[in-house]
Every structure is written in C-alpha cells, then in structure tokens.
C-alpha cells in the first residue's frame, strides 16, 4: 500500500464585517439644464422619469483607475487599516477601457498595497454586491485576511452624449469598502443569480455605447428585485422589520421607490431609510451602492450597527444582494 500525500485546506474566521468605507466623485457637476442644451430634454422630464437632479462627469484625462485609487484610499483611512495589511483587491466595474491590464492591480500598487491578489469583476450594476460576497467568503475560507472592494466606473466614456435615453442617467464615480474578519457576523450570505436569456436588454452597441431597453428593464427590476432582497434577508436570518437602511442599486428613483414599497408591504418599517443617492450622483453602476453607503454615513443617516440591505441589478442580467451591518 503506497502512502499518498494529503492536501491541506485553509480556514479563516467564521464571521466578517465591513471595517470602513470611502468614495470619490469627479468635480464636474452636470445639471439637467446643462443636458437640455445638448439634446431634446428638460429638467422636469428627467426628474419625472428617473429622479435625477444632477450628476458628476469625469474630464477626458480622468480615469476609472484614478477614481478607484481615491475611493480605496479613503476607505482604508476610514477603517484605520494600513495598505500593508490588505492582501486582496477586488475591483467591480464594467467600463475599464482595456481588458488587460486589469484595473485592480494598478490600483493596488498606486495605493501602496504590495503583492496583493488583484482582480476585476464584471457583474455590471450588481458588481459591488458580487464583490462583497466574494470578499467575505475569501476571508472565511482563509484565502484572505483583509480585502479592499472598490466599485468604480467611468460610464461617460461608454455613453453616446446625444442619446437622450442614456446620457441623462449614467455618471462617474467610485465607492469602496474594507472587509475583514469579525467575532460576530457582520455580513450576511450573498444571494445572487442571473437571467442570461435577457442579455439583449442591456449591452454595448457596436462595442462602444451602452444600449438598454428602458421599459423592459424597468418592468423586470420592479417585479423581480424585491423578492431577491427578501431572499437575502432570509439567508441572513432576518425579518424585513429588522432592516434600518435599504440601498438598492441607484438605477432609477422610481425603481428604488417601488422596491421600498414592496418591502414595506412585506413587513419593513415605515421609518425604513431608503437611499436616494441617484438624485445627485446619477447611475454609477458598480459604484452606486458603496457610493450611497458612504454618503449616508457622512450625512449621519446611516449609523454604526444599523442593519443595511443592499441589492444590485443590471446587465447580464445579473443580480445580487446581502444584508450587512453598517461600520
């Protein structure tokens, strides 16, 4: 009988939590009136349909990587974590102009994180929830100790500036979270999935500009996303009434309000705080959930220990959600 070597598998802490958050937006503010000078639209039409008042556009020389570096650095400072402590960087995005090199490795080096595992993740507007789920599981498996997750986008490079349906919606920015081990659970299981039969609802037209069937996406999101959010609560052992803050992907204020209404019908409290960051940030895809979370923390509407329910959805069609405690 020949002795055969046995493999060893690593294990990590049983629980994880978000240690800190950060965000960054370009300086250039673009109002609805500004857009009305370029296309057939107006302030009231945009507010009524998507709820956006203004958004931020990057300049030509500002890059997705620049936004990610700023947001990631801010998150590390907020968490009190030195770059040397981070061993993995996950960068959800769908607008990196080149597939190689990826954004994550460049961002890690610029922040001062050495020899990190670094990879981009493309689940479009569900990207941050996907990234947070992966980060939590990597730590619990013992494959990582501290993970920096940065949702970053420069969508204005991928939008036809004269396309009224999309140019009024999309914007630029980044949001980040530092994830580490914890004594008690601070991040619930990710509930995710996809509807690949609906890929033609959102895609890159001619490999250059984002195209979406707005009404079809609206109907899908307003019927399918609330049940996914409830599944995420069930996976975390929570009831709708336990949720303090709801952060859906900031795609459209009417979609956000529809999801909130359905959660309240399922038992969420009337004083549930609902993110409406889209009003002043627009739709920033992978960045929208961490951007909204960081803005709410800075405004004092999200407090340490609050139960947050996040759910992202977008091209793919991909979706994901989880409950977590506000850092």
Protein backbone atom coordinates (compact mmCIF):
# COMPACT_ATOMS: atom_id res chain seq x y z
CA UNK A 1 0.00 0.00 0.00
CA UNK A 2 1.53 3.30 -1.09
CA UNK A 3 1.23 6.28 1.18
CA UNK A 4 -0.19 9.23 -0.67
CA UNK A 5 0.22 12.85 0.41
CA UNK A 6 -2.84 14.56 1.83
CA UNK A 7 -3.79 18.10 0.93
CA UNK A 8 -4.30 20.81 3.46
CA UNK A 9 -7.12 23.33 3.20
CA UNK A 10 -7.13 26.69 4.90
CA UNK A 11 -9.85 28.05 7.12
CA UNK A 12 -10.41 31.55 8.38
CA UNK A 13 -12.66 33.33 10.86
CA UNK A 14 -16.29 32.28 10.91
CA UNK A 15 -17.52 35.86 10.53
CA UNK A 16 -16.71 39.01 8.57
CA UNK A 17 -17.67 42.67 8.63
CA UNK A 18 -17.14 45.93 6.78
CA UNK A 19 -14.40 47.87 8.55
CA UNK A 20 -14.70 51.17 6.69
CA UNK A 21 -15.94 52.87 3.53
CA UNK A 22 -14.81 55.58 1.14
CA UNK A 23 -15.96 57.28 -2.04
CA UNK A 24 -14.90 59.64 -4.78
CA UNK A 25 -16.66 61.63 -7.50
CA UNK A 26 -15.22 63.94 -10.13
CA UNK A 27 -15.63 67.67 -9.58
CA UNK A 28 -17.66 68.44 -12.70
CA UNK A 29 -21.37 68.79 -11.87
CA UNK A 30 -23.79 68.39 -14.78
CA UNK A 31 -27.36 69.56 -14.22
CA UNK A 32 -30.47 68.66 -16.16
CA UNK A 33 -30.47 72.16 -17.59
CA UNK A 34 -26.93 71.57 -18.86
CA UNK A 35 -28.11 68.47 -20.71
CA UNK A 36 -31.08 70.34 -22.18
CA UNK A 37 -28.55 72.46 -24.10
CA UNK A 38 -27.31 69.30 -25.86
CA UNK A 39 -30.49 67.34 -26.54
CA UNK A 40 -34.26 67.49 -26.56
CA UNK A 41 -34.93 67.22 -22.83
CA UNK A 42 -35.63 69.38 -19.80
CA UNK A 43 -35.26 69.36 -16.04
CA UNK A 44 -38.84 68.28 -15.25
CA UNK A 45 -38.85 65.48 -17.85
CA UNK A 46 -35.69 63.96 -16.33
CA UNK A 47 -36.89 64.34 -12.73
CA UNK A 48 -40.24 62.73 -13.53
CA UNK A 49 -38.76 59.73 -15.32
CA UNK A 50 -35.60 58.87 -13.40
CA UNK A 51 -35.45 61.23 -10.41
CA UNK A 52 -32.03 62.69 -11.21
CA UNK A 53 -31.31 66.36 -10.46
CA UNK A 54 -27.59 66.40 -11.23
CA UNK A 55 -24.70 64.03 -11.74
CA UNK A 56 -20.88 64.05 -11.93
CA UNK A 57 -18.89 63.64 -15.15
CA UNK A 58 -15.17 62.97 -15.29
CA UNK A 59 -12.93 65.04 -17.53
CA UNK A 60 -11.22 63.42 -20.51
CA UNK A 61 -7.95 62.98 -18.61
CA UNK A 62 -9.61 61.45 -15.52
CA UNK A 63 -9.61 57.66 -15.50
CA UNK A 64 -11.59 54.92 -13.80
CA UNK A 65 -8.35 53.91 -12.05
CA UNK A 66 -7.99 57.44 -10.63
CA UNK A 67 -11.47 57.30 -9.11
CA UNK A 68 -10.77 53.85 -7.63
CA UNK A 69 -7.48 54.93 -6.05
CA UNK A 70 -9.16 57.89 -4.35
CA UNK A 71 -12.12 55.85 -3.05
CA UNK A 72 -9.95 52.92 -1.93
CA UNK A 73 -7.52 55.18 -0.09
CA UNK A 74 -10.41 56.90 1.68
CA UNK A 75 -11.87 53.55 2.75
CA UNK A 76 -8.55 52.39 4.22
CA UNK A 77 -8.21 55.66 6.15
CA UNK A 78 -11.78 55.31 7.45
CA UNK A 79 -11.10 51.73 8.56
CA UNK A 80 -7.77 52.61 10.14
CA UNK A 81 -6.15 49.91 8.02
CA UNK A 82 -2.66 50.35 6.61
CA UNK A 83 -2.21 49.33 2.95
CA UNK A 84 0.33 46.72 4.10
CA UNK A 85 -2.48 44.84 5.87
CA UNK A 86 -4.51 44.31 2.68
CA UNK A 87 -3.82 41.11 0.76
CA UNK A 88 -6.59 41.19 -1.84
CA UNK A 89 -8.14 43.88 -4.03
CA UNK A 90 -11.40 43.26 -5.91
CA UNK A 91 -12.50 45.91 -8.38
CA UNK A 92 -16.04 45.51 -9.73
CA UNK A 93 -16.51 47.56 -12.90
CA UNK A 94 -17.87 47.32 -16.43
CA UNK A 95 -16.21 50.32 -18.08
CA UNK A 96 -12.48 49.64 -17.89
CA UNK A 97 -11.31 50.61 -21.42
CA UNK A 98 -8.89 47.66 -21.66
CA UNK A 99 -9.31 44.06 -20.57
CA UNK A 100 -5.59 43.82 -19.88
CA UNK A 101 -4.05 45.09 -17.76
CA UNK A 102 -6.88 44.97 -15.24
CA UNK A 103 -7.68 47.92 -13.01
CA UNK A 104 -7.26 46.17 -9.65
CA UNK A 105 -3.52 45.55 -9.88
CA UNK A 106 -2.85 49.13 -10.97
CA UNK A 107 -4.99 50.50 -8.15
CA UNK A 108 -3.35 48.27 -5.55
CA UNK A 109 0.14 49.48 -6.48
CA UNK A 110 -0.86 53.13 -6.56
CA UNK A 111 -2.45 52.87 -3.11
CA UNK A 112 0.67 51.17 -1.76
CA UNK A 113 -0.70 47.63 -1.44
CA UNK A 114 2.15 45.31 -2.32
CA UNK A 115 1.91 41.79 -3.80
CA UNK A 116 -1.86 41.65 -3.43
CA UNK A 117 -4.15 39.25 -5.19
CA UNK A 118 -5.96 41.65 -7.51
CA UNK A 119 -8.74 41.11 -10.00
CA UNK A 120 -11.56 42.92 -11.74
CA UNK A 121 -15.10 41.60 -11.53
CA UNK A 122 -17.79 42.39 -14.10
CA UNK A 123 -21.36 41.91 -12.95
CA UNK A 124 -22.31 45.41 -14.13
CA UNK A 125 -24.60 47.18 -11.66
CA UNK A 126 -24.67 44.13 -9.35
CA UNK A 127 -20.87 44.24 -9.17
CA UNK A 128 -20.39 45.62 -5.68
CA UNK A 129 -22.71 43.05 -4.08
CA UNK A 130 -20.91 40.31 -6.01
CA UNK A 131 -17.55 41.69 -4.84
CA UNK A 132 -18.64 41.99 -1.22
CA UNK A 133 -19.88 38.40 -1.25
CA UNK A 134 -16.63 37.12 -2.73
CA UNK A 135 -14.55 39.14 -0.25
CA UNK A 136 -16.48 37.77 2.73
CA UNK A 137 -16.17 34.19 1.52
CA UNK A 138 -12.43 34.54 0.77
CA UNK A 139 -11.82 35.67 4.33
CA UNK A 140 -13.95 32.94 5.90
CA UNK A 141 -12.16 30.36 3.76
CA UNK A 142 -8.77 31.60 4.95
CA UNK A 143 -7.70 32.70 1.46
CA UNK A 144 -7.52 36.37 2.50
CA UNK A 145 -7.36 38.40 5.69
CA UNK A 146 -8.33 41.90 4.61
CA UNK A 147 -9.96 42.68 1.27
CA UNK A 148 -10.47 46.05 -0.38
CA UNK A 149 -13.56 46.07 -2.62
CA UNK A 150 -13.88 49.09 -4.94
CA UNK A 151 -16.79 49.63 -7.31
CA UNK A 152 -15.60 52.16 -9.88
CA UNK A 153 -16.95 53.36 -13.21
CA UNK A 154 -16.36 55.98 -15.88
CA UNK A 155 -19.62 55.48 -17.71
CA UNK A 156 -19.42 58.73 -19.64
CA UNK A 157 -16.80 57.14 -21.89
CA UNK A 158 -19.37 54.48 -22.85
CA UNK A 159 -22.45 56.63 -23.38
CA UNK A 160 -23.44 58.45 -26.56
CA UNK A 161 -23.61 62.05 -25.30
CA UNK A 162 -26.60 62.76 -27.58
CA UNK A 163 -28.57 59.63 -26.61
CA UNK A 164 -31.39 61.08 -24.51
CA UNK A 165 -32.40 57.71 -23.07
CA UNK A 166 -28.99 57.00 -21.55
CA UNK A 167 -26.97 60.22 -21.40
CA UNK A 168 -29.33 61.61 -18.75
CA UNK A 169 -28.85 58.57 -16.50
CA UNK A 170 -25.23 57.47 -16.31
CA UNK A 171 -22.39 59.17 -14.43
CA UNK A 172 -18.92 58.59 -13.00
CA UNK A 173 -17.51 57.79 -9.56
CA UNK A 174 -16.25 55.13 -7.16
CA UNK A 175 -17.17 53.66 -3.79
CA UNK A 176 -15.14 51.27 -1.64
CA UNK A 177 -15.30 49.08 1.43
CA UNK A 178 -12.64 47.33 3.51
CA UNK A 179 -13.67 43.83 4.62
CA UNK A 180 -12.06 41.86 7.46
CA UNK A 181 -12.68 39.09 9.95
CA UNK A 182 -15.01 39.57 12.92
CA UNK A 183 -16.07 37.89 16.14
CA UNK A 184 -19.76 38.17 15.24
CA UNK A 185 -21.41 38.07 11.79
CA UNK A 186 -21.42 41.47 10.11
CA UNK A 187 -22.07 40.41 6.50
CA UNK A 188 -24.86 38.02 5.55
CA UNK A 189 -24.66 35.44 2.76
CA UNK A 190 -24.82 36.78 -0.76
CA UNK A 191 -27.91 35.80 -2.75
CA UNK A 192 -27.10 36.11 -6.43
CA UNK A 193 -28.11 34.94 -9.86
CA UNK A 194 -28.59 35.88 -13.48
CA UNK A 195 -31.13 35.89 -16.28
CA UNK A 196 -28.97 35.20 -19.30
CA UNK A 197 -31.98 34.91 -21.57
CA UNK A 198 -32.40 38.69 -21.18
CA UNK A 199 -28.88 39.74 -22.20
CA UNK A 200 -30.24 41.78 -25.09
CA UNK A 201 -31.94 44.22 -22.74
CA UNK A 202 -28.63 45.93 -21.82
CA UNK A 203 -25.49 45.66 -23.94
CA UNK A 204 -22.69 47.59 -25.65
CA UNK A 205 -23.96 48.74 -29.05
CA UNK A 206 -21.29 48.33 -31.74
CA UNK A 207 -18.86 47.59 -28.90
CA UNK A 208 -18.86 51.27 -27.98
CA UNK A 209 -22.02 52.70 -26.42
CA UNK A 210 -24.36 51.35 -23.75
CA UNK A 211 -27.80 50.45 -25.04
CA UNK A 212 -30.76 49.38 -22.92
CA UNK A 213 -34.43 48.65 -23.40
CA UNK A 214 -35.50 51.05 -20.68
CA UNK A 215 -39.12 49.99 -20.24
CA UNK A 216 -38.30 46.28 -20.26
CA UNK A 217 -35.54 46.75 -17.69
CA UNK A 218 -37.91 48.86 -15.58
CA UNK A 219 -40.59 46.15 -15.59
CA UNK A 220 -38.05 43.44 -14.77
CA UNK A 221 -36.48 45.39 -11.89
CA UNK A 222 -39.78 46.43 -10.32
CA UNK A 223 -41.11 42.86 -10.30
CA UNK A 224 -38.01 40.71 -9.70
CA UNK A 225 -35.72 42.61 -7.35
CA UNK A 226 -37.84 42.92 -4.19
CA UNK A 227 -38.19 39.10 -3.91
CA UNK A 228 -34.40 38.79 -4.24
CA UNK A 229 -33.95 41.32 -1.44
CA UNK A 230 -36.31 39.28 0.74
CA UNK A 231 -34.32 36.12 -0.04
CA UNK A 232 -31.15 37.89 1.11
CA UNK A 233 -32.84 38.71 4.42
CA UNK A 234 -33.99 35.11 4.84
CA UNK A 235 -30.45 33.86 4.15
CA UNK A 236 -29.16 36.17 6.89
CA UNK A 237 -31.83 35.04 9.35
CA UNK A 238 -33.51 38.45 9.39
CA UNK A 239 -37.02 39.80 9.01
CA UNK A 240 -37.96 42.85 6.91
CA UNK A 241 -38.71 44.68 10.15
CA UNK A 242 -35.06 44.27 11.20
CA UNK A 243 -33.79 46.44 8.35
CA UNK A 244 -32.80 50.02 9.16
CA UNK A 245 -31.47 51.05 5.74
CA UNK A 246 -32.29 49.91 2.21
CA UNK A 247 -29.72 50.57 -0.52
CA UNK A 248 -30.90 49.31 -3.90
CA UNK A 249 -28.72 49.96 -6.93
CA UNK A 250 -29.31 53.60 -7.86
CA UNK A 251 -30.65 52.98 -11.36
CA UNK A 252 -33.85 54.98 -11.30
CA UNK A 253 -35.62 56.66 -8.38
CA UNK A 254 -38.92 55.12 -9.43
CA UNK A 255 -37.38 51.63 -9.25
CA UNK A 256 -35.88 52.41 -5.83
CA UNK A 257 -39.25 53.60 -4.54
CA UNK A 258 -41.01 50.53 -5.97
CA UNK A 259 -38.61 48.16 -4.19
CA UNK A 260 -39.05 50.06 -0.91
CA UNK A 261 -42.84 49.96 -1.23
CA UNK A 262 -42.82 46.19 -1.73
CA UNK A 263 -40.51 45.64 1.24
CA UNK A 264 -42.79 47.73 3.46
CA UNK A 265 -45.71 45.62 2.26
CA UNK A 266 -43.70 42.56 3.33
CA UNK A 267 -43.17 43.96 6.85
CA UNK A 268 -40.40 46.56 6.65
CA UNK A 269 -40.86 49.52 8.98
CA UNK A 270 -42.33 52.83 7.87
CA UNK A 271 -39.21 54.57 9.20
CA UNK A 272 -37.01 52.49 6.89
CA UNK A 273 -34.31 54.78 5.48
CA UNK A 274 -34.09 54.40 1.70
CA UNK A 275 -31.04 55.53 -0.27
CA UNK A 276 -31.80 58.16 -2.91
CA UNK A 277 -28.24 58.99 -3.93
CA UNK A 278 -29.28 58.85 -7.58
CA UNK A 279 -30.73 62.37 -7.21
CA UNK A 280 -27.28 63.94 -7.08
CA UNK A 281 -24.98 61.14 -8.30
CA UNK A 282 -26.86 59.56 -11.20
CA UNK A 283 -26.45 55.89 -12.06
CA UNK A 284 -22.84 54.88 -11.40
CA UNK A 285 -23.32 51.12 -11.93
CA UNK A 286 -20.86 49.12 -9.76
CA UNK A 287 -20.12 52.24 -7.71
CA UNK A 288 -23.70 53.17 -6.83
CA UNK A 289 -24.24 51.08 -3.67
CA UNK A 290 -20.90 51.82 -1.91
CA UNK A 291 -21.13 55.47 -3.03
CA UNK A 292 -24.60 55.77 -1.47
CA UNK A 293 -23.48 53.98 1.71
CA UNK A 294 -20.51 56.28 2.20
CA UNK A 295 -22.59 59.38 1.52
CA UNK A 296 -25.22 58.23 4.03
CA UNK A 297 -22.58 57.57 6.69
CA UNK A 298 -21.12 61.04 6.17
CA UNK A 299 -24.59 62.60 6.37
CA UNK A 300 -25.40 60.69 9.56
CA UNK A 301 -28.40 58.88 8.06
CA UNK A 302 -26.52 55.56 8.29
CA UNK A 303 -25.06 54.84 11.72
CA UNK A 304 -22.69 52.21 13.05
CA UNK A 305 -24.55 48.98 13.76
CA UNK A 306 -27.52 49.75 11.51
CA UNK A 307 -28.80 46.76 9.54
CA UNK A 308 -28.36 47.52 5.84
CA UNK A 309 -29.99 45.61 2.99
CA UNK A 310 -28.25 46.12 -0.36
CA UNK A 311 -29.37 44.73 -3.70
CA UNK A 312 -27.77 45.33 -7.09
CA UNK A 313 -29.09 44.51 -10.56
CA UNK A 314 -28.14 45.24 -14.13
CA UNK A 315 -26.66 43.99 -17.38
CA UNK A 316 -26.32 40.26 -17.74
CA UNK A 317 -28.98 40.38 -16.45
CA UNK A 318 -27.17 39.92 -13.13
CA UNK A 319 -28.43 40.49 -9.61
CA UNK A 320 -27.14 40.07 -6.05
CA UNK A 321 -27.92 41.19 -2.56
CA UNK A 322 -26.97 40.78 1.07
CA UNK A 323 -27.61 42.21 4.49
CA UNK A 324 -24.73 43.70 6.46
CA UNK A 325 -24.04 45.91 9.45
CA UNK A 326 -23.05 49.49 8.85
CA UNK A 327 -19.46 50.08 10.05
